[in-house]
């Protein structure tokens, strides 16, 4: 009986190398997946807003490695010429990414040239993983206007900081709804806040808290365009942004006023952050 047990033990020992070998192969595969480089989605989307608005080829800080991974993947699909694989997410890369999105059957805001969660994940299959994922969330109603869940959360935090309720004059996803908005409200992430009953000081303080939580925000006056006094705010890094809103945010990072005249920023000075960066503080 002992001999049989001993023999069984030897047989079991003999099996160990096979089991380890099989397990080792699986572990190597898992390690291979884990070893894939990561694209920082937050940094990549930020670069896709800022770089097309630059007058030079300065790279967006912290984005180069991630942008290079995205550009190499686009180039491998023959959507981007190799000479543009440079870590700069300029207009050529935006156009190439939009073409990739359309190749997936996407259209409208889902093919706006900003890397979205789903398209970026598919582009990176077998090449890279995606970190710091951004999601606009579902569409919801605020003051009778449509916004997305991310924008609503940002607005709620701005109200908490301001110590007052902020009422909207206009929401998001409103294509052609207000011609004076020049298409900025066609996508997500953009709102107009009513300044009814606010003094000049309060208008500025509200714009300041909106900026603190991740909006590019400006107090707009009738002298600047065909509109009443209001605060215009665009959520940085919202992947549903219309192209026009993307340009506004790029200009905000570059110290401009978000208008067609591209004059110096006339809003309150605060450190520029995204909603995700604000929440990590």
C-alpha atoms as a PDB file:
ATOM      1  CA  UNK A   1       0.000   0.000   0.000  1.00  0.00           C
ATOM      2  CA  UNK A   2       2.848   2.324   0.890  1.00  0.00           C
ATOM      3  CA  UNK A   3       4.552   1.467  -2.397  1.00  0.00           C
ATOM      4  CA  UNK A   4       1.440   2.466  -4.296  1.00  0.00           C
ATOM      5  CA  UNK A   5       1.209   5.715  -2.418  1.00  0.00           C
ATOM      6  CA  UNK A   6       4.886   6.412  -3.046  1.00  0.00           C
ATOM      7  CA  UNK A   7       4.413   5.608  -6.700  1.00  0.00           C
ATOM      8  CA  UNK A   8       1.449   7.859  -6.859  1.00  0.00           C
ATOM      9  CA  UNK A   9       3.502  10.563  -5.220  1.00  0.00           C
ATOM     10  CA  UNK A  10       6.239  10.128  -7.813  1.00  0.00           C
ATOM     11  CA  UNK A  11       3.653  10.294 -10.555  1.00  0.00           C
ATOM     12  CA  UNK A  12       2.318  13.473  -9.052  1.00  0.00           C
ATOM     13  CA  UNK A  13       5.825  14.897  -8.893  1.00  0.00           C
ATOM     14  CA  UNK A  14       6.290  13.917 -12.475  1.00  0.00           C
ATOM     15  CA  UNK A  15       3.209  15.884 -13.371  1.00  0.00           C
ATOM     16  CA  UNK A  16       4.453  19.011 -11.645  1.00  0.00           C
ATOM     17  CA  UNK A  17       6.773  20.126 -14.467  1.00  0.00           C
ATOM     18  CA  UNK A  18       3.922  19.750 -16.937  1.00  0.00           C
ATOM     19  CA  UNK A  19       1.579  21.742 -14.750  1.00  0.00           C
ATOM     20  CA  UNK A  20       4.179  24.394 -14.114  1.00  0.00           C
ATOM     21  CA  UNK A  21       5.034  24.517 -17.772  1.00  0.00           C
ATOM     22  CA  UNK A  22       1.387  24.998 -18.682  1.00  0.00           C
ATOM     23  CA  UNK A  23       0.902  27.524 -15.936  1.00  0.00           C
ATOM     24  CA  UNK A  24       4.131  29.279 -16.947  1.00  0.00           C
ATOM     25  CA  UNK A  25       2.927  29.715 -20.521  1.00  0.00           C
ATOM     26  CA  UNK A  26      -0.324  31.184 -19.275  1.00  0.00           C
ATOM     27  CA  UNK A  27       1.525  33.491 -16.909  1.00  0.00           C
ATOM     28  CA  UNK A  28       3.754  34.639 -19.759  1.00  0.00           C
ATOM     29  CA  UNK A  29       0.712  35.459 -21.812  1.00  0.00           C
ATOM     30  CA  UNK A  30      -0.785  37.389 -18.919  1.00  0.00           C
ATOM     31  CA  UNK A  31       2.545  39.133 -18.359  1.00  0.00           C
ATOM     32  CA  UNK A  32       2.624  40.023 -22.050  1.00  0.00           C
ATOM     33  CA  UNK A  33      -0.756  41.698 -21.759  1.00  0.00           C
ATOM     34  CA  UNK A  34       0.322  43.541 -18.645  1.00  0.00           C
ATOM     35  CA  UNK A  35       3.512  44.638 -20.350  1.00  0.00           C
ATOM     36  CA  UNK A  36       1.650  46.577 -23.026  1.00  0.00           C
ATOM     37  CA  UNK A  37       2.312  50.307 -22.781  1.00  0.00           C
ATOM     38  CA  UNK A  38      -0.529  52.492 -21.574  1.00  0.00           C
ATOM     39  CA  UNK A  39      -2.083  55.462 -23.316  1.00  0.00           C
ATOM     40  CA  UNK A  40      -3.081  58.182 -20.861  1.00  0.00           C
ATOM     41  CA  UNK A  41      -6.483  59.101 -22.276  1.00  0.00           C
ATOM     42  CA  UNK A  42      -6.722  62.330 -20.296  1.00  0.00           C
ATOM     43  CA  UNK A  43      -3.409  63.616 -21.623  1.00  0.00           C
ATOM     44  CA  UNK A  44      -4.159  62.460 -25.182  1.00  0.00           C
ATOM     45  CA  UNK A  45      -7.562  64.137 -25.347  1.00  0.00           C
ATOM     46  CA  UNK A  46      -6.079  67.309 -23.868  1.00  0.00           C
ATOM     47  CA  UNK A  47      -3.414  67.361 -26.592  1.00  0.00           C
ATOM     48  CA  UNK A  48      -6.073  66.827 -29.273  1.00  0.00           C
ATOM     49  CA  UNK A  49      -7.766  70.037 -28.120  1.00  0.00           C
ATOM     50  CA  UNK A  50      -4.682  72.201 -27.632  1.00  0.00           C
ATOM     51  CA  UNK A  51      -2.210  71.166 -30.344  1.00  0.00           C
ATOM     52  CA  UNK A  52      -4.400  72.083 -33.355  1.00  0.00           C
ATOM     53  CA  UNK A  53      -4.653  75.649 -32.024  1.00  0.00           C
ATOM     54  CA  UNK A  54      -0.931  76.215 -31.539  1.00  0.00           C
ATOM     55  CA  UNK A  55       1.044  78.490 -33.830  1.00  0.00           C
ATOM     56  CA  UNK A  56       4.092  76.231 -33.417  1.00  0.00           C
ATOM     57  CA  UNK A  57       4.853  72.552 -32.826  1.00  0.00           C
ATOM     58  CA  UNK A  58       5.243  72.712 -29.050  1.00  0.00           C
ATOM     59  CA  UNK A  59       4.103  69.438 -27.503  1.00  0.00           C
ATOM     60  CA  UNK A  60       1.451  69.330 -24.798  1.00  0.00           C
ATOM     61  CA  UNK A  61       3.260  68.507 -21.531  1.00  0.00           C
ATOM     62  CA  UNK A  62       2.840  64.913 -20.423  1.00  0.00           C
ATOM     63  CA  UNK A  63       1.152  63.782 -23.642  1.00  0.00           C
ATOM     64  CA  UNK A  64       3.978  62.880 -26.028  1.00  0.00           C
ATOM     65  CA  UNK A  65       4.385  59.193 -25.163  1.00  0.00           C
ATOM     66  CA  UNK A  66       0.651  58.529 -25.328  1.00  0.00           C
ATOM     67  CA  UNK A  67       0.137  60.510 -28.523  1.00  0.00           C
ATOM     68  CA  UNK A  68       2.996  58.616 -30.174  1.00  0.00           C
ATOM     69  CA  UNK A  69       1.305  55.304 -29.348  1.00  0.00           C
ATOM     70  CA  UNK A  70      -1.948  56.512 -30.888  1.00  0.00           C
ATOM     71  CA  UNK A  71      -0.200  57.902 -33.972  1.00  0.00           C
ATOM     72  CA  UNK A  72       1.759  54.678 -34.523  1.00  0.00           C
ATOM     73  CA  UNK A  73      -1.468  52.707 -34.349  1.00  0.00           C
ATOM     74  CA  UNK A  74      -3.089  55.050 -36.884  1.00  0.00           C
ATOM     75  CA  UNK A  75      -0.036  54.789 -39.128  1.00  0.00           C
ATOM     76  CA  UNK A  76      -0.180  50.980 -38.954  1.00  0.00           C
ATOM     77  CA  UNK A  77      -3.690  51.243 -40.390  1.00  0.00           C
ATOM     78  CA  UNK A  78      -2.424  53.573 -43.124  1.00  0.00           C
ATOM     79  CA  UNK A  79      -4.532  56.420 -41.807  1.00  0.00           C
ATOM     80  CA  UNK A  80      -1.588  58.648 -40.907  1.00  0.00           C
ATOM     81  CA  UNK A  81       1.633  59.193 -42.824  1.00  0.00           C
ATOM     82  CA  UNK A  82       4.770  58.235 -40.898  1.00  0.00           C
ATOM     83  CA  UNK A  83       6.089  61.810 -41.024  1.00  0.00           C
ATOM     84  CA  UNK A  84       3.229  62.882 -38.736  1.00  0.00           C
ATOM     85  CA  UNK A  85       4.088  60.324 -36.041  1.00  0.00           C
ATOM     86  CA  UNK A  86       5.708  62.952 -33.851  1.00  0.00           C
ATOM     87  CA  UNK A  87       3.800  63.153 -30.563  1.00  0.00           C
ATOM     88  CA  UNK A  88       1.969  66.268 -31.718  1.00  0.00           C
ATOM     89  CA  UNK A  89      -1.821  65.780 -31.931  1.00  0.00           C
ATOM     90  CA  UNK A  90      -2.344  68.479 -34.540  1.00  0.00           C
ATOM     91  CA  UNK A  91      -4.995  68.875 -37.216  1.00  0.00           C
ATOM     92  CA  UNK A  92      -3.570  66.042 -39.328  1.00  0.00           C
ATOM     93  CA  UNK A  93      -3.741  63.571 -36.445  1.00  0.00           C
ATOM     94  CA  UNK A  94      -7.232  64.776 -35.496  1.00  0.00           C
ATOM     95  CA  UNK A  95      -8.380  64.208 -39.077  1.00  0.00           C
ATOM     96  CA  UNK A  96      -6.741  60.757 -39.137  1.00  0.00           C
ATOM     97  CA  UNK A  97      -8.417  59.794 -35.865  1.00  0.00           C
ATOM     98  CA  UNK A  98     -11.803  60.994 -37.147  1.00  0.00           C
ATOM     99  CA  UNK A  99     -11.268  58.854 -40.253  1.00  0.00           C
ATOM    100  CA  UNK A 100     -10.504  55.876 -38.021  1.00  0.00           C
ATOM    101  CA  UNK A 101     -13.687  56.522 -36.036  1.00  0.00           C
ATOM    102  CA  UNK A 102     -15.707  56.597 -39.256  1.00  0.00           C
ATOM    103  CA  UNK A 103     -14.068  53.314 -40.317  1.00  0.00           C
ATOM    104  CA  UNK A 104     -15.679  51.785 -37.217  1.00  0.00           C
ATOM    105  CA  UNK A 105     -19.078  52.922 -38.451  1.00  0.00           C
ATOM    106  CA  UNK A 106     -19.215  55.873 -36.058  1.00  0.00           C
ATOM    107  CA  UNK A 107     -20.605  59.253 -37.066  1.00  0.00           C
ATOM    108  CA  UNK A 108     -21.511  62.654 -35.645  1.00  0.00           C
ATOM    109  CA  UNK A 109     -19.979  63.408 -32.251  1.00  0.00           C
ATOM    110  CA  UNK A 110     -18.591  59.861 -32.055  1.00  0.00           C
ATOM    111  CA  UNK A 111     -16.382  60.736 -35.039  1.00  0.00           C
ATOM    112  CA  UNK A 112     -15.237  64.191 -33.905  1.00  0.00           C
ATOM    113  CA  UNK A 113     -11.518  63.355 -33.910  1.00  0.00           C
ATOM    114  CA  UNK A 114     -11.234  63.224 -30.106  1.00  0.00           C
ATOM    115  CA  UNK A 115     -10.253  59.780 -28.820  1.00  0.00           C
ATOM    116  CA  UNK A 116     -13.284  58.256 -27.115  1.00  0.00           C
ATOM    117  CA  UNK A 117     -13.214  55.318 -24.726  1.00  0.00           C
ATOM    118  CA  UNK A 118     -14.545  52.728 -27.181  1.00  0.00           C
ATOM    119  CA  UNK A 119     -12.583  53.813 -30.263  1.00  0.00           C
ATOM    120  CA  UNK A 120      -9.341  54.213 -28.312  1.00  0.00           C
ATOM    121  CA  UNK A 121      -9.754  50.768 -26.802  1.00  0.00           C
ATOM    122  CA  UNK A 122     -10.260  49.197 -30.215  1.00  0.00           C
ATOM    123  CA  UNK A 123      -7.329  51.081 -31.718  1.00  0.00           C
ATOM    124  CA  UNK A 124      -5.098  49.823 -28.925  1.00  0.00           C
ATOM    125  CA  UNK A 125      -6.086  46.156 -29.170  1.00  0.00           C
ATOM    126  CA  UNK A 126      -2.843  44.201 -28.876  1.00  0.00           C
ATOM    127  CA  UNK A 127      -0.801  47.429 -28.910  1.00  0.00           C
ATOM    128  CA  UNK A 128      -1.606  49.408 -25.771  1.00  0.00           C
ATOM    129  CA  UNK A 129      -3.953  49.647 -22.834  1.00  0.00           C
ATOM    130  CA  UNK A 130      -5.910  52.762 -21.883  1.00  0.00           C
ATOM    131  CA  UNK A 131      -5.426  54.510 -18.542  1.00  0.00           C
ATOM    132  CA  UNK A 132      -7.234  57.503 -17.001  1.00  0.00           C
ATOM    133  CA  UNK A 133     -10.387  56.818 -18.983  1.00  0.00           C
ATOM    134  CA  UNK A 134     -12.826  59.696 -19.542  1.00  0.00           C
ATOM    135  CA  UNK A 135     -16.557  59.105 -19.943  1.00  0.00           C
ATOM    136  CA  UNK A 136     -19.116  61.882 -20.534  1.00  0.00           C
ATOM    137  CA  UNK A 137     -21.863  59.620 -19.198  1.00  0.00           C
ATOM    138  CA  UNK A 138     -25.511  59.508 -20.103  1.00  0.00           C
ATOM    139  CA  UNK A 139     -27.527  62.517 -21.145  1.00  0.00           C
ATOM    140  CA  UNK A 140     -29.579  64.117 -18.388  1.00  0.00           C
ATOM    141  CA  UNK A 141     -31.718  67.215 -17.891  1.00  0.00           C
ATOM    142  CA  UNK A 142     -30.732  70.319 -15.938  1.00  0.00           C
ATOM    143  CA  UNK A 143     -33.109  73.302 -15.821  1.00  0.00           C
ATOM    144  CA  UNK A 144     -34.897  71.808 -18.824  1.00  0.00           C
ATOM    145  CA  UNK A 145     -31.701  71.606 -20.893  1.00  0.00           C
ATOM    146  CA  UNK A 146     -29.805  68.498 -21.956  1.00  0.00           C
ATOM    147  CA  UNK A 147     -26.269  67.956 -20.643  1.00  0.00           C
ATOM    148  CA  UNK A 148     -24.264  64.826 -19.903  1.00  0.00           C
ATOM    149  CA  UNK A 149     -23.648  63.323 -16.467  1.00  0.00           C
ATOM    150  CA  UNK A 150     -20.050  64.551 -16.309  1.00  0.00           C
ATOM    151  CA  UNK A 151     -21.130  68.154 -17.004  1.00  0.00           C
ATOM    152  CA  UNK A 152     -23.903  67.906 -14.428  1.00  0.00           C
ATOM    153  CA  UNK A 153     -21.410  66.749 -11.778  1.00  0.00           C
ATOM    154  CA  UNK A 154     -19.070  69.603 -12.629  1.00  0.00           C
ATOM    155  CA  UNK A 155     -21.903  72.122 -12.416  1.00  0.00           C
ATOM    156  CA  UNK A 156     -23.029  70.739  -9.043  1.00  0.00           C
ATOM    157  CA  UNK A 157     -19.519  71.125  -7.625  1.00  0.00           C
ATOM    158  CA  UNK A 158     -19.287  74.674  -8.978  1.00  0.00           C
ATOM    159  CA  UNK A 159     -22.578  75.479  -7.240  1.00  0.00           C
ATOM    160  CA  UNK A 160     -21.194  74.088  -3.977  1.00  0.00           C
ATOM    161  CA  UNK A 161     -18.074  76.226  -4.251  1.00  0.00           C
ATOM    162  CA  UNK A 162     -20.053  79.317  -5.245  1.00  0.00           C
ATOM    163  CA  UNK A 163     -22.632  78.798  -2.517  1.00  0.00           C
ATOM    164  CA  UNK A 164     -25.443  79.503  -4.931  1.00  0.00           C
ATOM    165  CA  UNK A 165     -27.687  77.814  -7.466  1.00  0.00           C
ATOM    166  CA  UNK A 166     -26.589  78.312 -11.070  1.00  0.00           C
ATOM    167  CA  UNK A 167     -29.381  78.454 -13.635  1.00  0.00           C
ATOM    168  CA  UNK A 168     -28.746  77.531 -17.253  1.00  0.00           C
ATOM    169  CA  UNK A 169     -29.688  79.647 -20.273  1.00  0.00           C
ATOM    170  CA  UNK A 170     -28.540  76.978 -22.715  1.00  0.00           C
ATOM    171  CA  UNK A 171     -27.371  73.391 -22.538  1.00  0.00           C
ATOM    172  CA  UNK A 172     -25.521  70.909 -24.711  1.00  0.00           C
ATOM    173  CA  UNK A 173     -26.350  68.710 -27.726  1.00  0.00           C
ATOM    174  CA  UNK A 174     -28.248  71.571 -29.349  1.00  0.00           C
ATOM    175  CA  UNK A 175     -27.175  71.613 -33.036  1.00  0.00           C
ATOM    176  CA  UNK A 176     -28.320  74.791 -34.749  1.00  0.00           C
ATOM    177  CA  UNK A 177     -30.277  75.872 -31.686  1.00  0.00           C
ATOM    178  CA  UNK A 178     -28.558  79.242 -31.319  1.00  0.00           C
ATOM    179  CA  UNK A 179     -26.689  80.590 -34.344  1.00  0.00           C
ATOM    180  CA  UNK A 180     -24.798  83.096 -32.170  1.00  0.00           C
ATOM    181  CA  UNK A 181     -23.098  80.170 -30.399  1.00  0.00           C
ATOM    182  CA  UNK A 182     -21.217  79.286 -33.612  1.00  0.00           C
ATOM    183  CA  UNK A 183     -21.716  75.558 -33.097  1.00  0.00           C
ATOM    184  CA  UNK A 184     -20.141  75.323 -29.630  1.00  0.00           C
ATOM    185  CA  UNK A 185     -23.343  73.897 -28.140  1.00  0.00           C
ATOM    186  CA  UNK A 186     -23.766  71.321 -30.917  1.00  0.00           C
ATOM    187  CA  UNK A 187     -21.953  68.709 -28.831  1.00  0.00           C
ATOM    188  CA  UNK A 188     -21.597  67.894 -25.161  1.00  0.00           C
ATOM    189  CA  UNK A 189     -19.854  69.660 -22.305  1.00  0.00           C
ATOM    190  CA  UNK A 190     -20.991  73.218 -23.097  1.00  0.00           C
ATOM    191  CA  UNK A 191     -23.429  75.347 -21.100  1.00  0.00           C
ATOM    192  CA  UNK A 192     -24.457  78.976 -20.734  1.00  0.00           C
ATOM    193  CA  UNK A 193     -25.163  80.157 -17.190  1.00  0.00           C
ATOM    194  CA  UNK A 194     -27.688  82.919 -16.532  1.00  0.00           C
ATOM    195  CA  UNK A 195     -26.302  85.980 -14.758  1.00  0.00           C
ATOM    196  CA  UNK A 196     -29.688  87.487 -13.981  1.00  0.00           C
ATOM    197  CA  UNK A 197     -29.490  89.397 -10.698  1.00  0.00           C
ATOM    198  CA  UNK A 198     -25.700  89.016 -10.448  1.00  0.00           C
ATOM    199  CA  UNK A 199     -23.382  91.947  -9.906  1.00  0.00           C
ATOM    200  CA  UNK A 200     -20.186  92.210 -11.935  1.00  0.00           C
ATOM    201  CA  UNK A 201     -18.230  90.835  -8.983  1.00  0.00           C
ATOM    202  CA  UNK A 202     -20.505  87.820  -8.626  1.00  0.00           C
ATOM    203  CA  UNK A 203     -20.372  87.106 -12.366  1.00  0.00           C
ATOM    204  CA  UNK A 204     -16.592  87.005 -12.137  1.00  0.00           C
ATOM    205  CA  UNK A 205     -16.643  84.818  -9.020  1.00  0.00           C
ATOM    206  CA  UNK A 206     -18.951  82.323 -10.720  1.00  0.00           C
ATOM    207  CA  UNK A 207     -16.700  82.175 -13.779  1.00  0.00           C
ATOM    208  CA  UNK A 208     -13.807  81.568 -11.394  1.00  0.00           C
ATOM    209  CA  UNK A 209     -15.403  78.555  -9.676  1.00  0.00           C
ATOM    210  CA  UNK A 210     -16.441  77.121 -13.045  1.00  0.00           C
ATOM    211  CA  UNK A 211     -12.791  77.320 -14.094  1.00  0.00           C
ATOM    212  CA  UNK A 212     -11.656  75.745 -10.846  1.00  0.00           C
ATOM    213  CA  UNK A 213     -13.669  72.565 -11.499  1.00  0.00           C
ATOM    214  CA  UNK A 214     -12.554  72.126 -15.106  1.00  0.00           C
ATOM    215  CA  UNK A 215     -14.547  74.432 -17.361  1.00  0.00           C
ATOM    216  CA  UNK A 216     -13.091  76.926 -19.789  1.00  0.00           C
ATOM    217  CA  UNK A 217     -15.422  79.742 -18.707  1.00  0.00           C
ATOM    218  CA  UNK A 218     -15.883  83.371 -19.666  1.00  0.00           C
ATOM    219  CA  UNK A 219     -18.299  86.162 -18.798  1.00  0.00           C
ATOM    220  CA  UNK A 220     -19.800  87.243 -22.133  1.00  0.00           C
ATOM    221  CA  UNK A 221     -21.151  90.750 -22.670  1.00  0.00           C
ATOM    222  CA  UNK A 222     -23.417  92.266 -25.375  1.00  0.00           C
ATOM    223  CA  UNK A 223     -20.407  94.260 -26.568  1.00  0.00           C
ATOM    224  CA  UNK A 224     -18.690  91.028 -27.651  1.00  0.00           C
ATOM    225  CA  UNK A 225     -21.491  89.650 -29.797  1.00  0.00           C
ATOM    226  CA  UNK A 226     -25.202  89.420 -30.507  1.00  0.00           C
ATOM    227  CA  UNK A 227     -26.148  88.003 -27.107  1.00  0.00           C
ATOM    228  CA  UNK A 228     -27.152  89.165 -23.617  1.00  0.00           C
ATOM    229  CA  UNK A 229     -24.864  88.978 -20.588  1.00  0.00           C
ATOM    230  CA  UNK A 230     -24.154  85.353 -19.667  1.00  0.00           C
ATOM    231  CA  UNK A 231     -21.345  82.996 -18.656  1.00  0.00           C
ATOM    232  CA  UNK A 232     -20.214  80.595 -21.337  1.00  0.00           C
ATOM    233  CA  UNK A 233     -18.538  77.421 -20.100  1.00  0.00           C
ATOM    234  CA  UNK A 234     -17.045  74.454 -21.960  1.00  0.00           C
ATOM    235  CA  UNK A 235     -15.963  71.325 -20.083  1.00  0.00           C
ATOM    236  CA  UNK A 236     -12.309  70.558 -20.784  1.00  0.00           C
ATOM    237  CA  UNK A 237     -11.690  67.000 -22.047  1.00  0.00           C
ATOM    238  CA  UNK A 238     -15.340  66.177 -22.671  1.00  0.00           C
ATOM    239  CA  UNK A 239     -15.016  63.692 -25.541  1.00  0.00           C
ATOM    240  CA  UNK A 240     -18.424  64.738 -26.927  1.00  0.00           C
ATOM    241  CA  UNK A 241     -17.257  68.301 -27.662  1.00  0.00           C
ATOM    242  CA  UNK A 242     -18.105  69.795 -31.030  1.00  0.00           C
ATOM    243  CA  UNK A 243     -15.089  70.883 -33.112  1.00  0.00           C
ATOM    244  CA  UNK A 244     -15.885  74.523 -32.341  1.00  0.00           C
ATOM    245  CA  UNK A 245     -15.887  73.846 -28.595  1.00  0.00           C
ATOM    246  CA  UNK A 246     -12.637  71.910 -28.925  1.00  0.00           C
ATOM    247  CA  UNK A 247     -11.094  75.031 -30.446  1.00  0.00           C
ATOM    248  CA  UNK A 248     -12.366  77.185 -27.578  1.00  0.00           C
ATOM    249  CA  UNK A 249     -10.720  74.934 -25.028  1.00  0.00           C
ATOM    250  CA  UNK A 250      -7.470  74.857 -26.971  1.00  0.00           C
ATOM    251  CA  UNK A 251      -7.503  78.655 -27.033  1.00  0.00           C
ATOM    252  CA  UNK A 252      -8.232  78.770 -23.297  1.00  0.00           C
ATOM    253  CA  UNK A 253      -5.064  76.784 -22.613  1.00  0.00           C
ATOM    254  CA  UNK A 254      -3.172  79.177 -24.849  1.00  0.00           C
ATOM    255  CA  UNK A 255      -4.361  82.224 -22.895  1.00  0.00           C
ATOM    256  CA  UNK A 256      -7.056  83.380 -25.329  1.00  0.00           C
ATOM    257  CA  UNK A 257     -10.686  84.417 -24.925  1.00  0.00           C
ATOM    258  CA  UNK A 258     -12.425  81.615 -26.841  1.00  0.00           C
ATOM    259  CA  UNK A 259     -13.926  84.013 -29.383  1.00  0.00           C
ATOM    260  CA  UNK A 260     -13.268  84.234 -33.121  1.00  0.00           C
ATOM    261  CA  UNK A 261     -11.050  87.292 -32.626  1.00  0.00           C
ATOM    262  CA  UNK A 262      -8.682  85.193 -30.455  1.00  0.00           C
ATOM    263  CA  UNK A 263      -7.828  88.064 -28.163  1.00  0.00           C
ATOM    264  CA  UNK A 264      -6.190  87.618 -24.749  1.00  0.00           C
ATOM    265  CA  UNK A 265      -8.184  85.819 -22.081  1.00  0.00           C
ATOM    266  CA  UNK A 266     -10.315  88.289 -20.147  1.00  0.00           C
ATOM    267  CA  UNK A 267     -11.432  85.891 -17.421  1.00  0.00           C
ATOM    268  CA  UNK A 268     -10.276  85.329 -13.829  1.00  0.00           C
ATOM    269  CA  UNK A 269      -6.850  83.740 -13.562  1.00  0.00           C
ATOM    270  CA  UNK A 270      -6.829  80.276 -11.998  1.00  0.00           C
ATOM    271  CA  UNK A 271      -4.672  77.177 -12.559  1.00  0.00           C
ATOM    272  CA  UNK A 272      -6.150  75.297 -15.520  1.00  0.00           C
ATOM    273  CA  UNK A 273      -7.366  71.811 -14.632  1.00  0.00           C
ATOM    274  CA  UNK A 274      -9.696  69.167 -15.998  1.00  0.00           C
ATOM    275  CA  UNK A 275     -12.563  67.767 -13.938  1.00  0.00           C
ATOM    276  CA  UNK A 276     -10.577  64.577 -13.333  1.00  0.00           C
ATOM    277  CA  UNK A 277      -7.520  66.522 -12.187  1.00  0.00           C
ATOM    278  CA  UNK A 278      -9.676  68.599  -9.844  1.00  0.00           C
ATOM    279  CA  UNK A 279     -11.171  65.485  -8.267  1.00  0.00           C
ATOM    280  CA  UNK A 280      -7.732  64.006  -7.623  1.00  0.00           C
ATOM    281  CA  UNK A 281      -6.569  67.044  -5.665  1.00  0.00           C
END
